[in-house]
Amino acid sequence: MVLDLPRFYKACNPSKPLSMGDVNDRKYYIDFSPVRGNKIIESLKRTITLISPDEPTCQLFTGHIGCGKSTELLRLKAELEQQKFHVVYFESSQDLDMADVDLSDILLSIAGQVSESLEKIKINIKPGYFVNLFTEITDFLRTPIELGAEAELSVGIGKITAKTKESPKLRRRLREYLEPRTSGILDSINEELLKPATTTLKKKGKAGLVVIVDNLDRVDIRPLPSGRTQPEYLFIDRGEQLRRLNCHIVYTIPLALTFSNECETLKNRLGGGLTPK
């Protein structure tokens, strides 16, 4: 048998996770749970499907970069979908600048990704808070951002984040504007997006809504003016706010945090008392 080198290299590409929803990818999957010591994905799934299917959960997933986390999370997505959950999986690094991330960036990214996923199945939700917020943001930034009155939530968030991602100055100004409005943004995401989304999904026969935020473990471990590192600030200092989203959510976090002196604080604030998997 002649070795097909291009196909071989493509199959072994470490930057491309395997999708368990793809028949061809499934052929390459190897279950390493026996050598890892536990069945992590089964544990994450059990918490969502059996322990707390109707109440929001927040779980943390970690590991060395390149160890196969994305492949396992895509397996979790596929298995949850088999259990009738609507799963929104996305790589946060596609939306965010990993060297410079704040809480508002993550919240907007989640809201945009959830909205886009729902729009694909003809569930269109337009939170009134965000309609007004977009108008205020364009006025505050004094930067032309075309947002039609009928624009979907995902489109509005996408245009704003794209504009600020390419300009650190605009990004700083946007954060200064959004920071005192964090509570309002969270309330709007919960009450005007996630709550009606979950209700509508269940009417369509779904078991609930799950959001998987991948690649947050790649957040740059840089010191902030406060003396905290960026991961400490995001996942510990702002952990309670990240956990407030009213849906099942799985965050990837930097492995270093699990070895820090504040691991217990991380576990309680963001993980709801559960140890990162």
Protein backbone atom coordinates (compact mmCIF):
# COMPACT_ATOMS: atom_id res chain seq x y z
CA MET A 1 0.00 0.00 0.00
CA VAL A 2 1.42 3.37 -1.05
CA LEU A 3 1.38 5.99 1.68
CA ASP A 4 -0.65 9.06 0.72
CA LEU A 5 1.61 11.68 2.32
CA PRO A 6 -0.66 14.74 1.86
CA ARG A 7 -3.57 12.85 3.42
CA PHE A 8 -1.31 11.56 6.20
CA TYR A 9 -0.02 15.02 7.10
CA LYS A 10 -3.52 16.47 6.96
CA ALA A 11 -4.79 13.79 9.33
CA CYS A 12 -1.92 14.48 11.75
CA ASN A 13 -2.22 18.27 11.70
CA PRO A 14 -2.11 19.21 15.43
CA SER A 15 -3.78 22.57 14.80
CA LYS A 16 -6.91 20.94 13.36
CA PRO A 17 -9.20 19.35 15.97
CA LEU A 18 -11.23 16.31 15.05
CA SER A 19 -14.96 16.80 14.69
CA MET A 20 -16.93 13.88 16.03
CA GLY A 21 -19.79 14.90 13.78
CA ASP A 22 -17.60 14.08 10.78
CA VAL A 23 -17.54 10.41 9.79
CA ASN A 24 -14.01 10.68 8.40
CA ASP A 25 -12.66 12.44 11.50
CA ARG A 26 -14.15 9.81 13.79
CA LYS A 27 -11.91 7.19 12.19
CA TYR A 28 -8.85 8.98 13.57
CA TYR A 29 -10.14 9.46 17.11
CA ILE A 30 -8.42 7.57 19.93
CA ASP A 31 -9.90 7.56 23.43
CA PHE A 32 -7.06 8.42 25.82
CA SER A 33 -9.20 8.45 28.97
CA PRO A 34 -7.55 5.25 30.32
CA VAL A 35 -4.14 6.96 30.42
CA ARG A 36 -5.56 10.33 31.46
CA GLY A 37 -7.01 8.67 34.52
CA ASN A 38 -10.66 9.68 34.15
CA LYS A 39 -13.45 10.23 31.67
CA ILE A 40 -13.51 14.03 31.62
CA ILE A 41 -16.02 14.52 28.81
CA GLU A 42 -18.40 12.03 30.39
CA SER A 43 -18.17 14.01 33.62
CA LEU A 44 -18.93 17.31 31.89
CA LYS A 45 -21.83 15.73 30.03
CA ARG A 46 -23.24 14.07 33.15
CA THR A 47 -23.37 17.40 35.00
CA ILE A 48 -25.38 18.93 32.16
CA THR A 49 -27.66 16.05 31.21
CA LEU A 50 -28.27 14.28 34.52
CA ILE A 51 -27.28 16.35 37.53
CA SER A 52 -28.63 19.74 36.47
CA PRO A 53 -30.35 19.61 33.07
CA ASP A 54 -32.79 22.45 33.81
CA GLU A 55 -30.54 24.72 35.87
CA PRO A 56 -27.54 26.72 34.58
CA THR A 57 -24.13 25.12 35.08
CA CYS A 58 -20.64 26.52 34.67
CA GLN A 59 -17.77 24.08 34.19
CA LEU A 60 -14.07 24.63 33.61
CA PHE A 61 -11.90 22.61 31.25
CA THR A 62 -8.13 22.87 31.07
CA GLY A 63 -4.97 21.21 29.84
CA HIS A 64 -1.76 21.91 27.98
CA ILE A 65 -2.17 23.76 24.69
CA GLY A 66 -2.23 21.17 21.90
CA CYS A 67 -3.16 18.21 24.11
CA GLY A 68 -6.50 17.65 22.36
CA LYS A 69 -8.94 19.80 24.33
CA SER A 70 -10.73 21.08 21.24
CA THR A 71 -11.22 17.57 19.90
CA GLU A 72 -12.68 16.48 23.24
CA LEU A 73 -14.95 19.53 23.40
CA LEU A 74 -16.20 18.81 19.90
CA ARG A 75 -16.92 15.28 21.07
CA LEU A 76 -18.86 16.76 23.99
CA LYS A 77 -20.79 18.91 21.52
CA ALA A 78 -21.69 15.90 19.38
CA GLU A 79 -22.79 13.82 22.36
CA LEU A 80 -24.88 16.63 23.84
CA GLU A 81 -26.57 17.14 20.49
CA GLN A 82 -27.47 13.46 20.54
CA GLN A 83 -29.15 14.23 23.87
CA LYS A 84 -31.21 16.94 22.10
CA PHE A 85 -29.29 19.95 23.45
CA HIS A 86 -28.62 22.94 21.21
CA VAL A 87 -24.87 23.47 21.49
CA VAL A 88 -23.01 26.64 20.57
CA TYR A 89 -19.30 25.84 20.26
CA PHE A 90 -16.84 28.52 19.20
CA GLU A 91 -13.16 29.33 19.32
CA SER A 92 -12.87 32.60 21.22
CA SER A 93 -9.55 33.36 19.55
CA GLN A 94 -11.48 34.02 16.33
CA ASP A 95 -13.28 36.94 17.99
CA LEU A 96 -10.80 38.16 20.57
CA ASP A 97 -7.24 39.42 20.70
CA MET A 98 -5.77 36.92 23.17
CA ALA A 99 -3.12 39.43 24.23
CA ASP A 100 -5.76 41.92 25.35
CA VAL A 101 -9.06 40.54 26.65
CA ASP A 102 -11.59 41.97 29.09
CA LEU A 103 -14.85 40.74 30.55
CA SER A 104 -17.00 42.79 28.19
CA ASP A 105 -15.17 41.27 25.20
CA ILE A 106 -16.05 37.76 26.33
CA LEU A 107 -19.68 38.62 27.09
CA LEU A 108 -20.21 40.29 23.72
CA SER A 109 -18.53 37.38 21.96
CA ILE A 110 -20.80 34.86 23.69
CA ALA A 111 -23.91 36.93 22.94
CA GLY A 112 -22.92 37.26 19.29
CA GLN A 113 -22.13 33.58 18.84
CA VAL A 114 -25.34 32.44 20.54
CA SER A 115 -27.39 34.84 18.46
CA GLU A 116 -25.73 33.74 15.22
CA SER A 117 -26.30 30.08 16.04
CA LEU A 118 -29.98 30.70 16.80
CA GLU A 119 -30.45 32.73 13.62
CA LYS A 120 -29.28 29.72 11.60
CA ILE A 121 -32.27 27.75 12.89
CA LYS A 122 -34.67 30.67 12.35
CA ILE A 123 -34.80 31.87 15.95
CA ASN A 124 -34.35 35.63 15.74
CA ILE A 125 -34.11 37.50 19.02
CA LYS A 126 -33.37 41.22 19.22
CA PRO A 127 -32.77 42.38 22.79
CA GLY A 128 -34.02 45.94 23.16
CA TYR A 129 -31.13 46.79 25.47
CA PHE A 130 -28.59 46.00 22.77
CA VAL A 131 -30.47 47.97 20.12
CA ASN A 132 -30.10 51.07 22.28
CA LEU A 133 -26.56 50.14 23.32
CA PHE A 134 -25.37 49.90 19.71
CA THR A 135 -26.67 53.40 19.00
CA GLU A 136 -24.95 54.76 22.09
CA ILE A 137 -21.69 52.99 21.23
CA THR A 138 -21.52 54.40 17.70
CA ASP A 139 -22.16 57.89 19.06
CA PHE A 140 -19.60 57.47 21.84
CA LEU A 141 -16.85 56.05 19.63
CA ARG A 142 -17.56 58.63 16.91
CA THR A 143 -16.67 55.97 14.40
CA PRO A 144 -18.92 55.09 11.47
CA ILE A 145 -20.34 51.61 12.05
CA GLU A 146 -23.21 50.78 9.73
CA LEU A 147 -25.91 49.16 11.84
CA GLY A 148 -29.31 49.11 10.20
CA ALA A 149 -32.42 49.10 12.35
CA GLU A 150 -33.17 45.56 11.19
CA ALA A 151 -29.65 44.24 11.75
CA GLU A 152 -29.46 40.99 13.69
CA LEU A 153 -27.79 40.99 17.10
CA SER A 154 -24.91 38.87 15.80
CA VAL A 155 -24.30 41.32 12.96
CA GLY A 156 -24.21 44.31 15.29
CA ILE A 157 -21.84 42.66 17.74
CA GLY A 158 -19.70 41.32 14.90
CA LYS A 159 -19.24 44.76 13.35
CA ILE A 160 -18.40 46.40 16.66
CA THR A 161 -15.92 43.73 17.76
CA ALA A 162 -14.29 43.65 14.32
CA LYS A 163 -13.84 47.42 14.41
CA THR A 164 -12.35 47.45 17.89
CA LYS A 165 -10.21 44.34 17.39
CA GLU A 166 -8.16 46.15 14.77
CA SER A 167 -7.74 49.26 16.92
CA PRO A 168 -6.42 49.02 20.50
CA LYS A 169 -7.37 52.66 21.06
CA LEU A 170 -11.00 52.05 20.08
CA ARG A 171 -11.00 48.87 22.16
CA ARG A 172 -9.91 50.76 25.27
CA ARG A 173 -12.55 53.43 24.74
CA LEU A 174 -15.26 50.83 24.24
CA ARG A 175 -14.29 49.06 27.46
CA GLU A 176 -14.35 52.31 29.39
CA TYR A 177 -17.88 52.83 28.14
CA LEU A 178 -19.08 49.27 28.75
CA GLU A 179 -17.49 48.63 32.16
CA PRO A 180 -20.09 50.56 34.23
CA ARG A 181 -22.80 48.88 32.14
CA THR A 182 -21.60 45.31 32.78
CA SER A 183 -24.53 44.48 35.05
CA GLY A 184 -27.01 45.75 32.47
CA ILE A 185 -25.31 43.79 29.70
CA LEU A 186 -25.43 40.60 31.76
CA ASP A 187 -29.08 41.15 32.63
CA SER A 188 -29.93 41.73 28.97
CA ILE A 189 -28.05 38.64 27.80
CA ASN A 190 -29.83 36.55 30.42
CA GLU A 191 -33.34 37.98 30.22
CA GLU A 192 -33.57 39.12 26.60
CA LEU A 193 -31.44 36.49 24.86
CA LEU A 194 -30.73 33.30 26.81
CA LYS A 195 -34.09 32.99 28.58
CA PRO A 196 -36.28 33.38 25.46
CA ALA A 197 -33.80 31.28 23.48
CA THR A 198 -34.03 28.40 25.95
CA THR A 199 -37.82 28.64 26.06
CA THR A 200 -38.09 28.61 22.26
CA LEU A 201 -35.59 25.76 21.92
CA LYS A 202 -37.54 23.62 24.38
CA LYS A 203 -40.74 24.30 22.45
CA LYS A 204 -38.91 22.93 19.42
CA GLY A 205 -38.06 19.75 21.29
CA LYS A 206 -34.57 20.66 22.47
CA ALA A 207 -33.41 19.82 25.99
CA GLY A 208 -31.70 23.16 26.54
CA LEU A 209 -28.87 25.47 25.52
CA VAL A 210 -25.17 24.78 26.03
CA VAL A 211 -22.34 27.21 25.22
CA ILE A 212 -18.76 25.93 24.88
CA VAL A 213 -16.13 28.68 24.81
CA ASP A 214 -12.88 27.21 23.53
CA ASN A 215 -9.37 28.72 23.41
CA LEU A 216 -9.71 31.00 26.44
CA ASP A 217 -6.81 28.97 27.81
CA ARG A 218 -4.69 30.88 25.28
CA VAL A 219 -5.23 34.23 26.97
CA ASP A 220 -1.85 35.91 27.29
CA ILE A 221 -0.36 35.64 30.79
CA ARG A 222 0.73 39.26 30.89
CA PRO A 223 0.82 41.46 33.99
CA LEU A 224 -1.79 44.20 34.27
CA PRO A 225 -1.24 47.59 35.96
CA SER A 226 -3.06 46.20 39.01
CA GLY A 227 -0.31 43.61 39.45
CA ARG A 228 -2.63 40.74 38.51
CA THR A 229 -2.02 38.68 35.42
CA GLN A 230 -4.65 38.82 32.69
CA PRO A 231 -5.96 35.28 33.44
CA GLU A 232 -6.18 36.03 37.18
CA TYR A 233 -8.17 39.17 36.47
CA LEU A 234 -10.55 37.48 34.02
CA PHE A 235 -11.20 34.14 35.65
CA ILE A 236 -10.77 34.93 39.35
CA ASP A 237 -11.52 38.63 39.86
CA ARG A 238 -14.36 38.60 37.30
CA GLY A 239 -15.23 34.93 37.67
CA GLU A 240 -18.56 35.47 39.40
CA GLN A 241 -19.76 37.58 36.48
CA LEU A 242 -18.63 35.06 33.88
CA ARG A 243 -20.58 32.45 35.82
CA ARG A 244 -23.81 34.48 35.87
CA LEU A 245 -24.92 33.46 32.38
CA ASN A 246 -28.22 31.57 32.55
CA CYS A 247 -27.35 28.57 30.44
CA HIS A 248 -25.01 25.62 30.56
CA ILE A 249 -21.54 26.93 29.83
CA VAL A 250 -18.08 25.38 29.55
CA TYR A 251 -15.00 27.61 29.61
CA THR A 252 -11.47 26.57 28.78
CA ILE A 253 -9.00 28.20 31.18
CA PRO A 254 -5.19 28.40 31.37
CA LEU A 255 -3.67 25.34 33.03
CA ALA A 256 -1.43 27.54 35.19
CA LEU A 257 -4.44 28.77 37.16
CA THR A 258 -5.07 25.28 38.52
CA PHE A 259 -1.61 25.38 40.15
CA SER A 260 -1.91 28.89 41.55
CA ASN A 261 -2.46 29.77 45.20
CA GLU A 262 -5.92 30.99 44.24
CA CYS A 263 -7.14 27.77 42.71
CA GLU A 264 -9.77 27.39 45.43
CA THR A 265 -11.00 30.93 44.80
CA LEU A 266 -11.18 30.16 41.09
CA LYS A 267 -13.10 26.97 41.78
CA ASN A 268 -15.64 28.72 43.99
CA ARG A 269 -16.11 31.93 42.02
CA LEU A 270 -16.17 30.61 38.47
CA GLY A 271 -16.55 26.87 38.83
CA GLY A 272 -19.35 26.94 41.37
CA GLY A 273 -17.35 24.74 43.70
CA LEU A 274 -16.36 22.27 40.99
CA THR A 275 -12.69 21.57 40.29
CA PRO A 276 -11.53 22.34 36.73
CA LYS A 277 -11.51 19.17 34.63
